[in-house]
Amino acid sequence: MLNIKYFGTSHCFVIGTLITMEDGQKPIEELFLGMYQGDGYVNTSGWSPKEESDFYGSRGGTYH
């Protein structure tokens, strides 16, 4: 199990940065996909906050 803690700062990662997980090394983007899509979040990249709210009824459960 990988635990990520948020300390109130933003962190940037280069796409393809390898992280070590229980089942080997994986690109960082796979971690975030698993965290969000695995919990039922919907990717709304490129959408405005109003478009998200209009389409889904709220912005909850979305990420970009």
C-alpha atoms as a PDB file:
ATOM      1  CA  MET A   1       0.000   0.000   0.000  1.00  0.00           C
ATOM      2  CA  LEU A   2       1.357   3.405  -0.963  1.00  0.00           C
ATOM      3  CA  ASN A   3       0.350   6.320   1.230  1.00  0.00           C
ATOM      4  CA  ILE A   4       0.636   9.873  -0.049  1.00  0.00           C
ATOM      5  CA  LYS A   5       0.378  12.777   2.334  1.00  0.00           C
ATOM      6  CA  TYR A   6      -0.478  16.298   1.280  1.00  0.00           C
ATOM      7  CA  PHE A   7       1.480  18.970   3.115  1.00  0.00           C
ATOM      8  CA  GLY A   8      -0.115  22.045   1.535  1.00  0.00           C
ATOM      9  CA  THR A   9       2.516  22.431  -1.162  1.00  0.00           C
ATOM     10  CA  SER A  10       2.335  21.567  -4.809  1.00  0.00           C
ATOM     11  CA  HIS A  11       4.684  19.037  -6.327  1.00  0.00           C
ATOM     12  CA  CYS A  12       5.517  18.608  -9.990  1.00  0.00           C
ATOM     13  CA  PHE A  13       6.664  15.383 -11.570  1.00  0.00           C
ATOM     14  CA  VAL A  14       8.004  14.730 -15.042  1.00  0.00           C
ATOM     15  CA  ILE A  15       5.818  12.322 -16.996  1.00  0.00           C
ATOM     16  CA  GLY A  16       7.408   8.905 -16.916  1.00  0.00           C
ATOM     17  CA  THR A  17       9.191   9.423 -13.580  1.00  0.00           C
ATOM     18  CA  LEU A  18       9.485   5.924 -12.144  1.00  0.00           C
ATOM     19  CA  ILE A  19       8.285   5.242  -8.626  1.00  0.00           C
ATOM     20  CA  THR A  20       8.786   1.999  -6.739  1.00  0.00           C
ATOM     21  CA  MET A  21       5.615   0.161  -5.798  1.00  0.00           C
ATOM     22  CA  GLU A  22       5.005  -3.279  -4.321  1.00  0.00           C
ATOM     23  CA  ASP A  23       4.764  -4.831  -7.781  1.00  0.00           C
ATOM     24  CA  GLY A  24       7.759  -3.053  -9.297  1.00  0.00           C
ATOM     25  CA  GLN A  25       8.524   0.348 -10.788  1.00  0.00           C
ATOM     26  CA  LYS A  26       5.779   2.260 -12.575  1.00  0.00           C
ATOM     27  CA  PRO A  27       5.466   5.705 -14.184  1.00  0.00           C
ATOM     28  CA  ILE A  28       4.106   8.323 -11.759  1.00  0.00           C
ATOM     29  CA  GLU A  29       1.030   8.950 -13.936  1.00  0.00           C
ATOM     30  CA  GLU A  30      -0.181   5.385 -13.295  1.00  0.00           C
ATOM     31  CA  LEU A  31      -0.226   6.095  -9.569  1.00  0.00           C
ATOM     32  CA  PHE A  32      -2.459   9.127  -9.975  1.00  0.00           C
ATOM     33  CA  LEU A  33      -4.773   7.379 -12.424  1.00  0.00           C
ATOM     34  CA  GLY A  34      -5.222   4.577  -9.926  1.00  0.00           C
ATOM     35  CA  MET A  35      -5.864   7.017  -7.089  1.00  0.00           C
ATOM     36  CA  TYR A  36      -8.517   9.006  -8.913  1.00  0.00           C
ATOM     37  CA  GLN A  37     -10.123   6.667 -11.425  1.00  0.00           C
ATOM     38  CA  GLY A  38     -10.048   3.816  -8.928  1.00  0.00           C
ATOM     39  CA  ASP A  39     -12.175   5.921  -6.587  1.00  0.00           C
ATOM     40  CA  GLY A  40     -14.666   6.807  -9.327  1.00  0.00           C
ATOM     41  CA  TYR A  41     -13.372  10.292 -10.142  1.00  0.00           C
ATOM     42  CA  VAL A  42     -13.885  11.600 -13.684  1.00  0.00           C
ATOM     43  CA  ASN A  43     -11.158  13.374 -15.678  1.00  0.00           C
ATOM     44  CA  THR A  44     -12.438  16.774 -16.775  1.00  0.00           C
ATOM     45  CA  SER A  45      -9.227  18.163 -18.269  1.00  0.00           C
ATOM     46  CA  GLY A  46     -10.036  21.073 -20.554  1.00  0.00           C
ATOM     47  CA  TRP A  47     -13.459  21.692 -19.015  1.00  0.00           C
ATOM     48  CA  SER A  48     -14.348  24.929 -17.286  1.00  0.00           C
ATOM     49  CA  PRO A  49     -15.789  24.786 -13.745  1.00  0.00           C
ATOM     50  CA  LYS A  50     -19.183  25.801 -15.190  1.00  0.00           C
ATOM     51  CA  GLU A  51     -19.079  22.999 -17.779  1.00  0.00           C
ATOM     52  CA  GLU A  52     -18.301  20.478 -15.035  1.00  0.00           C
ATOM     53  CA  SER A  53     -21.167  21.720 -12.864  1.00  0.00           C
ATOM     54  CA  ASP A  54     -23.615  21.875 -15.766  1.00  0.00           C
ATOM     55  CA  PHE A  55     -22.788  18.365 -16.984  1.00  0.00           C
ATOM     56  CA  TYR A  56     -22.365  16.530 -13.653  1.00  0.00           C
ATOM     57  CA  GLY A  57     -24.476  18.719 -11.372  1.00  0.00           C
ATOM     58  CA  SER A  58     -21.419  19.658  -9.290  1.00  0.00           C
ATOM     59  CA  ARG A  59     -17.639  19.640  -9.463  1.00  0.00           C
ATOM     60  CA  GLY A  60     -17.327  16.928  -6.832  1.00  0.00           C
ATOM     61  CA  GLY A  61     -15.788  13.701  -8.055  1.00  0.00           C
ATOM     62  CA  THR A  62     -13.838  15.317 -10.872  1.00  0.00           C
ATOM     63  CA  TYR A  63     -10.150  15.974 -11.435  1.00  0.00           C
ATOM     64  CA  HIS A  64      -7.976  17.560 -14.112  1.00  0.00           C
END
